[in-house]
Amino acid sequence: MKTFAVTVAVLALGLAACESQTEEAVENDTAVENAVEADANAATNDAANAADNALDAAGNAIENAGNAVENAGDAVENATDNAM
């Protein structure tokens, strides 16, 4: 009976040790998942900001080109008026 009691005690201690390691592993896994999610969110935000900036720059370039065309038309009109 003593052998049985010792065996049960050893098994209980082993299970207790495994449980704390399992909890730690789960906590570590959760921390890794949170870090990966934060990195993914940061990368997504960076990509979205870069795309937004590129669209803004393209819009500005188009607007500037329109202004240049308008200015060229005004210059032609002014030259015509001055020639008369």
PDB file of N, CA and C in Angstrom:
ATOM      1  N   MET A   1       0.813  -1.181   0.000  1.00  0.00           N
ATOM      2  CA  MET A   1       0.000   0.000   0.000  1.00  0.00           C
ATOM      3  C   MET A   1       0.863   1.254   0.000  1.00  0.00           C
ATOM      4  N   LYS A   2       2.043   1.198   0.668  1.00  0.00           N
ATOM      5  CA  LYS A   2       2.924   2.342   0.692  1.00  0.00           C
ATOM      6  C   LYS A   2       3.435   2.646  -0.717  1.00  0.00           C
ATOM      7  N   THR A   3       3.737   1.622  -1.474  1.00  0.00           N
ATOM      8  CA  THR A   3       4.225   1.808  -2.837  1.00  0.00           C
ATOM      9  C   THR A   3       3.166   2.516  -3.684  1.00  0.00           C
ATOM     10  N   PHE A   4       1.940   2.078  -3.490  1.00  0.00           N
ATOM     11  CA  PHE A   4       0.841   2.693  -4.229  1.00  0.00           C
ATOM     12  C   PHE A   4       0.706   4.179  -3.861  1.00  0.00           C
ATOM     13  N   ALA A   5       0.794   4.490  -2.592  1.00  0.00           N
ATOM     14  CA  ALA A   5       0.672   5.873  -2.132  1.00  0.00           C
ATOM     15  C   ALA A   5       1.824   6.732  -2.665  1.00  0.00           C
ATOM     16  N   VAL A   6       3.027   6.183  -2.655  1.00  0.00           N
ATOM     17  CA  VAL A   6       4.182   6.912  -3.175  1.00  0.00           C
ATOM     18  C   VAL A   6       4.024   7.136  -4.682  1.00  0.00           C
ATOM     19  N   THR A   7       3.562   6.113  -5.383  1.00  0.00           N
ATOM     20  CA  THR A   7       3.359   6.236  -6.826  1.00  0.00           C
ATOM     21  C   THR A   7       2.334   7.321  -7.146  1.00  0.00           C
ATOM     22  N   VAL A   8       1.249   7.315  -6.399  1.00  0.00           N
ATOM     23  CA  VAL A   8       0.202   8.326  -6.602  1.00  0.00           C
ATOM     24  C   VAL A   8       0.749   9.713  -6.292  1.00  0.00           C
ATOM     25  N   ALA A   9       1.533   9.859  -5.258  1.00  0.00           N
ATOM     26  CA  ALA A   9       2.109  11.155  -4.899  1.00  0.00           C
ATOM     27  C   ALA A   9       3.060  11.648  -5.991  1.00  0.00           C
ATOM     28  N   VAL A  10       3.884  10.749  -6.505  1.00  0.00           N
ATOM     29  CA  VAL A  10       4.818  11.120  -7.570  1.00  0.00           C
ATOM     30  C   VAL A  10       4.055  11.531  -8.820  1.00  0.00           C
ATOM     31  N   LEU A  11       3.026  10.786  -9.167  1.00  0.00           N
ATOM     32  CA  LEU A  11       2.219  11.131 -10.338  1.00  0.00           C
ATOM     33  C   LEU A  11       1.526  12.483 -10.150  1.00  0.00           C
ATOM     34  N   ALA A  12       1.024  12.735  -8.947  1.00  0.00           N
ATOM     35  CA  ALA A  12       0.364  14.005  -8.667  1.00  0.00           C
ATOM     36  C   ALA A  12       1.338  15.171  -8.798  1.00  0.00           C
ATOM     37  N   LEU A  13       2.554  14.978  -8.282  1.00  0.00           N
ATOM     38  CA  LEU A  13       3.563  16.024  -8.417  1.00  0.00           C
ATOM     39  C   LEU A  13       3.930  16.258  -9.883  1.00  0.00           C
ATOM     40  N   GLY A  14       4.045  15.186 -10.625  1.00  0.00           N
ATOM     41  CA  GLY A  14       4.365  15.297 -12.051  1.00  0.00           C
ATOM     42  C   GLY A  14       3.277  16.036 -12.811  1.00  0.00           C
ATOM     43  N   LEU A  15       2.014  15.713 -12.503  1.00  0.00           N
ATOM     44  CA  LEU A  15       0.900  16.400 -13.154  1.00  0.00           C
ATOM     45  C   LEU A  15       0.867  17.877 -12.774  1.00  0.00           C
ATOM     46  N   ALA A  16       1.154  18.167 -11.523  1.00  0.00           N
ATOM     47  CA  ALA A  16       1.177  19.561 -11.077  1.00  0.00           C
ATOM     48  C   ALA A  16       2.269  20.334 -11.806  1.00  0.00           C
ATOM     49  N   ALA A  17       3.415  19.719 -11.992  1.00  0.00           N
ATOM     50  CA  ALA A  17       4.509  20.375 -12.701  1.00  0.00           C
ATOM     51  C   ALA A  17       4.142  20.598 -14.166  1.00  0.00           C
ATOM     52  N   CYS A  18       3.496  19.640 -14.775  1.00  0.00           N
ATOM     53  CA  CYS A  18       3.083  19.772 -16.171  1.00  0.00           C
ATOM     54  C   CYS A  18       2.045  20.868 -16.331  1.00  0.00           C
ATOM     55  N   GLU A  19       1.161  20.973 -15.355  1.00  0.00           N
ATOM     56  CA  GLU A  19       0.100  21.967 -15.449  1.00  0.00           C
ATOM     57  C   GLU A  19       0.683  23.382 -15.448  1.00  0.00           C
ATOM     58  N   SER A  20       1.646  23.653 -14.598  1.00  0.00           N
ATOM     59  CA  SER A  20       2.228  24.991 -14.570  1.00  0.00           C
ATOM     60  C   SER A  20       2.979  25.276 -15.862  1.00  0.00           C
ATOM     61  N   GLN A  21       3.644  24.259 -16.411  1.00  0.00           N
ATOM     62  CA  GLN A  21       4.340  24.447 -17.681  1.00  0.00           C
ATOM     63  C   GLN A  21       3.346  24.668 -18.811  1.00  0.00           C
ATOM     64  N   THR A  22       2.218  23.972 -18.746  1.00  0.00           N
ATOM     65  CA  THR A  22       1.189  24.137 -19.770  1.00  0.00           C
ATOM     66  C   THR A  22       0.604  25.539 -19.712  1.00  0.00           C
ATOM     67  N   GLU A  23       0.332  26.025 -18.512  1.00  0.00           N
ATOM     68  CA  GLU A  23      -0.191  27.382 -18.366  1.00  0.00           C
ATOM     69  C   GLU A  23       0.805  28.408 -18.895  1.00  0.00           C
ATOM     70  N   GLU A  24       2.068  28.197 -18.583  1.00  0.00           N
ATOM     71  CA  GLU A  24       3.113  29.112 -19.058  1.00  0.00           C
ATOM     72  C   GLU A  24       3.207  29.075 -20.577  1.00  0.00           C
ATOM     73  N   ALA A  25       3.107  27.877 -21.145  1.00  0.00           N
ATOM     74  CA  ALA A  25       3.173  27.749 -22.605  1.00  0.00           C
ATOM     75  C   ALA A  25       1.987  28.455 -23.256  1.00  0.00           C
ATOM     76  N   VAL A  26       0.815  28.337 -22.657  1.00  0.00           N
ATOM     77  CA  VAL A  26      -0.370  29.009 -23.199  1.00  0.00           C
ATOM     78  C   VAL A  26      -0.198  30.522 -23.108  1.00  0.00           C
ATOM     79  N   GLU A  27       0.320  30.999 -21.972  1.00  0.00           N
ATOM     80  CA  GLU A  27       0.549  32.436 -21.819  1.00  0.00           C
ATOM     81  C   GLU A  27       1.574  32.935 -22.835  1.00  0.00           C
ATOM     82  N   ASN A  28       2.643  32.156 -23.036  1.00  0.00           N
ATOM     83  CA  ASN A  28       3.661  32.544 -24.013  1.00  0.00           C
ATOM     84  C   ASN A  28       3.081  32.557 -25.427  1.00  0.00           C
ATOM     85  N   ASP A  29       2.262  31.552 -25.728  1.00  0.00           N
ATOM     86  CA  ASP A  29       1.643  31.475 -27.044  1.00  0.00           C
ATOM     87  C   ASP A  29       0.729  32.678 -27.269  1.00  0.00           C
ATOM     88  N   THR A  30      -0.016  33.053 -26.237  1.00  0.00           N
ATOM     89  CA  THR A  30      -0.897  34.215 -26.338  1.00  0.00           C
ATOM     90  C   THR A  30      -0.086  35.489 -26.558  1.00  0.00           C
ATOM     91  N   ALA A  31       1.022  35.609 -25.856  1.00  0.00           N
ATOM     92  CA  ALA A  31       1.877  36.789 -26.026  1.00  0.00           C
ATOM     93  C   ALA A  31       2.425  36.855 -27.448  1.00  0.00           C
ATOM     94  N   VAL A  32       2.823  35.722 -27.989  1.00  0.00           N
ATOM     95  CA  VAL A  32       3.340  35.685 -29.364  1.00  0.00           C
ATOM     96  C   VAL A  32       2.233  36.067 -30.345  1.00  0.00           C
ATOM     97  N   GLU A  33       1.036  35.526 -30.145  1.00  0.00           N
ATOM     98  CA  GLU A  33      -0.082  35.862 -31.027  1.00  0.00           C
ATOM     99  C   GLU A  33      -0.391  37.355 -30.976  1.00  0.00           C
ATOM    100  N   ASN A  34      -0.368  37.925 -29.795  1.00  0.00           N
ATOM    101  CA  ASN A  34      -0.630  39.360 -29.654  1.00  0.00           C
ATOM    102  C   ASN A  34       0.442  40.183 -30.361  1.00  0.00           C
ATOM    103  N   ALA A  35       1.692  39.770 -30.238  1.00  0.00           N
ATOM    104  CA  ALA A  35       2.779  40.486 -30.905  1.00  0.00           C
ATOM    105  C   ALA A  35       2.640  40.394 -32.421  1.00  0.00           C
ATOM    106  N   VAL A  36       2.292  39.211 -32.920  1.00  0.00           N
ATOM    107  CA  VAL A  36       2.113  39.032 -34.365  1.00  0.00           C
ATOM    108  C   VAL A  36       0.955  39.893 -34.856  1.00  0.00           C
ATOM    109  N   GLU A  37      -0.116  39.915 -34.094  1.00  0.00           N
ATOM    110  CA  GLU A  37      -1.274  40.732 -34.489  1.00  0.00           C
ATOM    111  C   GLU A  37      -0.913  42.218 -34.504  1.00  0.00           C
ATOM    112  N   ALA A  38      -0.159  42.658 -33.517  1.00  0.00           N
ATOM    113  CA  ALA A  38       0.264  44.064 -33.472  1.00  0.00           C
ATOM    114  C   ALA A  38       1.153  44.387 -34.666  1.00  0.00           C
ATOM    115  N   ASP A  39       2.075  43.475 -35.009  1.00  0.00           N
ATOM    116  CA  ASP A  39       2.947  43.686 -36.172  1.00  0.00           C
ATOM    117  C   ASP A  39       2.138  43.727 -37.463  1.00  0.00           C
ATOM    118  N   ALA A  40       1.167  42.833 -37.578  1.00  0.00           N
ATOM    119  CA  ALA A  40       0.331  42.801 -38.782  1.00  0.00           C
ATOM    120  C   ALA A  40      -0.481  44.082 -38.901  1.00  0.00           C
ATOM    121  N   ASN A  41      -1.019  44.552 -37.777  1.00  0.00           N
ATOM    122  CA  ASN A  41      -1.786  45.798 -37.804  1.00  0.00           C
ATOM    123  C   ASN A  41      -0.901  46.977 -38.195  1.00  0.00           C
ATOM    124  N   ALA A  42       0.310  47.011 -37.660  1.00  0.00           N
ATOM    125  CA  ALA A  42       1.230  48.095 -37.990  1.00  0.00           C
ATOM    126  C   ALA A  42       1.586  48.068 -39.470  1.00  0.00           C
ATOM    127  N   ALA A  43       1.837  46.881 -39.993  1.00  0.00           N
ATOM    128  CA  ALA A  43       2.171  46.758 -41.413  1.00  0.00           C
ATOM    129  C   ALA A  43       0.994  47.172 -42.284  1.00  0.00           C
ATOM    130  N   THR A  44      -0.204  46.787 -41.880  1.00  0.00           N
ATOM    131  CA  THR A  44      -1.403  47.165 -42.632  1.00  0.00           C
ATOM    132  C   THR A  44      -1.582  48.676 -42.620  1.00  0.00           C
ATOM    133  N   ASN A  45      -1.401  49.273 -41.446  1.00  0.00           N
ATOM    134  CA  ASN A  45      -1.533  50.729 -41.344  1.00  0.00           C
ATOM    135  C   ASN A  45      -0.477  51.437 -42.179  1.00  0.00           C
ATOM    136  N   ASP A  46       0.756  50.927 -42.150  1.00  0.00           N
ATOM    137  CA  ASP A  46       1.821  51.524 -42.954  1.00  0.00           C
ATOM    138  C   ASP A  46       1.487  51.439 -44.444  1.00  0.00           C
ATOM    139  N   ALA A  47       1.005  50.298 -44.878  1.00  0.00           N
ATOM    140  CA  ALA A  47       0.661  50.118 -46.291  1.00  0.00           C
ATOM    141  C   ALA A  47      -0.502  51.027 -46.676  1.00  0.00           C
ATOM    142  N   ALA A  48      -1.491  51.128 -45.796  1.00  0.00           N
ATOM    143  CA  ALA A  48      -2.640  51.987 -46.085  1.00  0.00           C
ATOM    144  C   ALA A  48      -2.221  53.444 -46.148  1.00  0.00           C
ATOM    145  N   ASN A  49      -1.357  53.856 -45.230  1.00  0.00           N
ATOM    146  CA  ASN A  49      -0.875  55.236 -45.250  1.00  0.00           C
ATOM    147  C   ASN A  49      -0.052  55.523 -46.504  1.00  0.00           C
ATOM    148  N   ALA A  50       0.780  54.568 -46.892  1.00  0.00           N
ATOM    149  CA  ALA A  50       1.595  54.749 -48.093  1.00  0.00           C
ATOM    150  C   ALA A  50       0.699  54.862 -49.328  1.00  0.00           C
ATOM    151  N   ALA A  51      -0.315  54.015 -49.405  1.00  0.00           N
ATOM    152  CA  ALA A  51      -1.236  54.070 -50.544  1.00  0.00           C
ATOM    153  C   ALA A  51      -2.000  55.394 -50.550  1.00  0.00           C
ATOM    154  N   ASP A  52      -2.434  55.831 -49.385  1.00  0.00           N
ATOM    155  CA  ASP A  52      -3.152  57.101 -49.273  1.00  0.00           C
ATOM    156  C   ASP A  52      -2.265  58.263 -49.704  1.00  0.00           C
ATOM    157  N   ASN A  53      -1.014  58.241 -49.252  1.00  0.00           N
ATOM    158  CA  ASN A  53      -0.071  59.294 -49.648  1.00  0.00           C
ATOM    159  C   ASN A  53       0.182  59.283 -51.151  1.00  0.00           C
ATOM    160  N   ALA A  54       0.285  58.107 -51.732  1.00  0.00           N
ATOM    161  CA  ALA A  54       0.513  58.001 -53.172  1.00  0.00           C
ATOM    162  C   ALA A  54      -0.687  58.547 -53.951  1.00  0.00           C
ATOM    163  N   LEU A  55      -1.896  58.236 -53.464  1.00  0.00           N
ATOM    164  CA  LEU A  55      -3.087  58.755 -54.129  1.00  0.00           C
ATOM    165  C   LEU A  55      -3.173  60.273 -54.008  1.00  0.00           C
ATOM    166  N   ASP A  56      -2.818  60.782 -52.837  1.00  0.00           N
ATOM    167  CA  ASP A  56      -2.801  62.242 -52.658  1.00  0.00           C
ATOM    168  C   ASP A  56      -1.804  62.885 -53.609  1.00  0.00           C
ATOM    169  N   ALA A  57      -0.617  62.305 -53.721  1.00  0.00           N
ATOM    170  CA  ALA A  57       0.409  62.854 -54.609  1.00  0.00           C
ATOM    171  C   ALA A  57      -0.070  62.814 -56.060  1.00  0.00           C
ATOM    172  N   ALA A  58      -0.709  61.721 -56.457  1.00  0.00           N
ATOM    173  CA  ALA A  58      -1.218  61.617 -57.827  1.00  0.00           C
ATOM    174  C   ALA A  58      -2.307  62.661 -58.072  1.00  0.00           C
ATOM    175  N   GLY A  59      -3.185  62.832 -57.094  1.00  0.00           N
ATOM    176  CA  GLY A  59      -4.230  63.846 -57.217  1.00  0.00           C
ATOM    177  C   GLY A  59      -3.648  65.236 -57.334  1.00  0.00           C
ATOM    178  N   ASN A  60      -2.618  65.506 -56.543  1.00  0.00           N
ATOM    179  CA  ASN A  60      -1.957  66.813 -56.623  1.00  0.00           C
ATOM    180  C   ASN A  60      -1.295  67.018 -57.984  1.00  0.00           C
ATOM    181  N   ALA A  61      -0.670  65.977 -58.502  1.00  0.00           N
ATOM    182  CA  ALA A  61      -0.007  66.081 -59.806  1.00  0.00           C
ATOM    183  C   ALA A  61      -1.031  66.364 -60.900  1.00  0.00           C
ATOM    184  N   ILE A  62      -2.188  65.708 -60.826  1.00  0.00           N
ATOM    185  CA  ILE A  62      -3.232  65.935 -61.828  1.00  0.00           C
ATOM    186  C   ILE A  62      -3.760  67.369 -61.725  1.00  0.00           C
ATOM    187  N   GLU A  63      -3.967  67.816 -60.490  1.00  0.00           N
ATOM    188  CA  GLU A  63      -4.437  69.189 -60.290  1.00  0.00           C
ATOM    189  C   GLU A  63      -3.417  70.202 -60.813  1.00  0.00           C
ATOM    190  N   ASN A  64      -2.148  69.948 -60.531  1.00  0.00           N
ATOM    191  CA  ASN A  64      -1.088  70.842 -61.023  1.00  0.00           C
ATOM    192  C   ASN A  64      -1.039  70.860 -62.547  1.00  0.00           C
ATOM    193  N   ALA A  65      -1.224  69.697 -63.157  1.00  0.00           N
ATOM    194  CA  ALA A  65      -1.230  69.638 -64.622  1.00  0.00           C
ATOM    195  C   ALA A  65      -2.413  70.428 -65.180  1.00  0.00           C
ATOM    196  N   GLY A  66      -3.551  70.306 -64.541  1.00  0.00           N
ATOM    197  CA  GLY A  66      -4.725  71.084 -64.970  1.00  0.00           C
ATOM    198  C   GLY A  66      -4.471  72.577 -64.857  1.00  0.00           C
ATOM    199  N   ASN A  67      -3.838  72.974 -63.774  1.00  0.00           N
ATOM    200  CA  ASN A  67      -3.503  74.395 -63.604  1.00  0.00           C
ATOM    201  C   ASN A  67      -2.527  74.861 -64.682  1.00  0.00           C
ATOM    202  N   ALA A  68      -1.575  74.028 -65.014  1.00  0.00           N
ATOM    203  CA  ALA A  68      -0.601  74.391 -66.046  1.00  0.00           C
ATOM    204  C   ALA A  68      -1.293  74.568 -67.394  1.00  0.00           C
ATOM    205  N   VAL A  69      -2.237  73.679 -67.708  1.00  0.00           N
ATOM    206  CA  VAL A  69      -2.982  73.796 -68.971  1.00  0.00           C
ATOM    207  C   VAL A  69      -3.794  75.087 -68.967  1.00  0.00           C
ATOM    208  N   GLU A  70      -4.442  75.357 -67.840  1.00  0.00           N
ATOM    209  CA  GLU A  70      -5.238  76.586 -67.735  1.00  0.00           C
ATOM    210  C   GLU A  70      -4.347  77.822 -67.885  1.00  0.00           C
ATOM    211  N   ASN A  71      -3.190  77.801 -67.241  1.00  0.00           N
ATOM    212  CA  ASN A  71      -2.259  78.934 -67.361  1.00  0.00           C
ATOM    213  C   ASN A  71      -1.769  79.104 -68.798  1.00  0.00           C
ATOM    214  N   ALA A  72      -1.514  77.992 -69.474  1.00  0.00           N
ATOM    215  CA  ALA A  72      -1.064  78.070 -70.861  1.00  0.00           C
ATOM    216  C   ALA A  72      -2.161  78.670 -71.738  1.00  0.00           C
ATOM    217  N   GLY A  73      -3.408  78.275 -71.479  1.00  0.00           N
ATOM    218  CA  GLY A  73      -4.534  78.852 -72.235  1.00  0.00           C
ATOM    219  C   GLY A  73      -4.654  80.338 -71.986  1.00  0.00           C
ATOM    220  N   ASP A  74      -4.492  80.746 -70.724  1.00  0.00           N
ATOM    221  CA  ASP A  74      -4.537  82.177 -70.400  1.00  0.00           C
ATOM    222  C   ASP A  74      -3.405  82.927 -71.098  1.00  0.00           C
ATOM    223  N   ALA A  75      -2.233  82.321 -71.143  1.00  0.00           N
ATOM    224  CA  ALA A  75      -1.093  82.961 -71.797  1.00  0.00           C
ATOM    225  C   ALA A  75      -1.361  83.152 -73.283  1.00  0.00           C
ATOM    226  N   VAL A  76      -1.949  82.133 -73.916  1.00  0.00           N
ATOM    227  CA  VAL A  76      -2.281  82.239 -75.348  1.00  0.00           C
ATOM    228  C   VAL A  76      -3.313  83.338 -75.547  1.00  0.00           C
ATOM    229  N   GLU A  77      -4.318  83.369 -74.688  1.00  0.00           N
ATOM    230  CA  GLU A  77      -5.343  84.398 -74.787  1.00  0.00           C
ATOM    231  C   GLU A  77      -4.745  85.798 -74.606  1.00  0.00           C
ATOM    232  N   ASN A  78      -3.870  85.924 -73.627  1.00  0.00           N
ATOM    233  CA  ASN A  78      -3.230  87.220 -73.401  1.00  0.00           C
ATOM    234  C   ASN A  78      -2.359  87.624 -74.595  1.00  0.00           C
ATOM    235  N   ALA A  79      -1.648  86.668 -75.160  1.00  0.00           N
ATOM    236  CA  ALA A  79      -0.795  86.967 -76.314  1.00  0.00           C
ATOM    237  C   ALA A  79      -1.645  87.405 -77.495  1.00  0.00           C
ATOM    238  N   THR A  80      -2.803  86.758 -77.657  1.00  0.00           N
ATOM    239  CA  THR A  80      -3.699  87.129 -78.756  1.00  0.00           C
ATOM    240  C   THR A  80      -4.235  88.523 -78.555  1.00  0.00           C
ATOM    241  N   ASP A  81      -4.647  88.806 -77.292  1.00  0.00           N
ATOM    242  CA  ASP A  81      -5.173  90.143 -76.997  1.00  0.00           C
ATOM    243  C   ASP A  81      -4.105  91.227 -77.207  1.00  0.00           C
ATOM    244  N   ASN A  82      -2.879  90.932 -76.828  1.00  0.00           N
ATOM    245  CA  ASN A  82      -1.804  91.897 -76.971  1.00  0.00           C
ATOM    246  C   ASN A  82      -1.385  92.101 -78.413  1.00  0.00           C
ATOM    247  N   ALA A  83      -1.591  91.102 -79.269  1.00  0.00           N
ATOM    248  CA  ALA A  83      -1.197  91.196 -80.662  1.00  0.00           C
ATOM    249  C   ALA A  83      -2.168  92.082 -81.430  1.00  0.00           C
ATOM    250  N   MET A  84      -3.356  92.284 -80.941  1.00  0.00           N
ATOM    251  CA  MET A  84      -4.354  93.059 -81.687  1.00  0.00           C
ATOM    252  C   MET A  84      -4.190  94.498 -81.446  1.00  0.00           C
TER     253      MET A  84
END
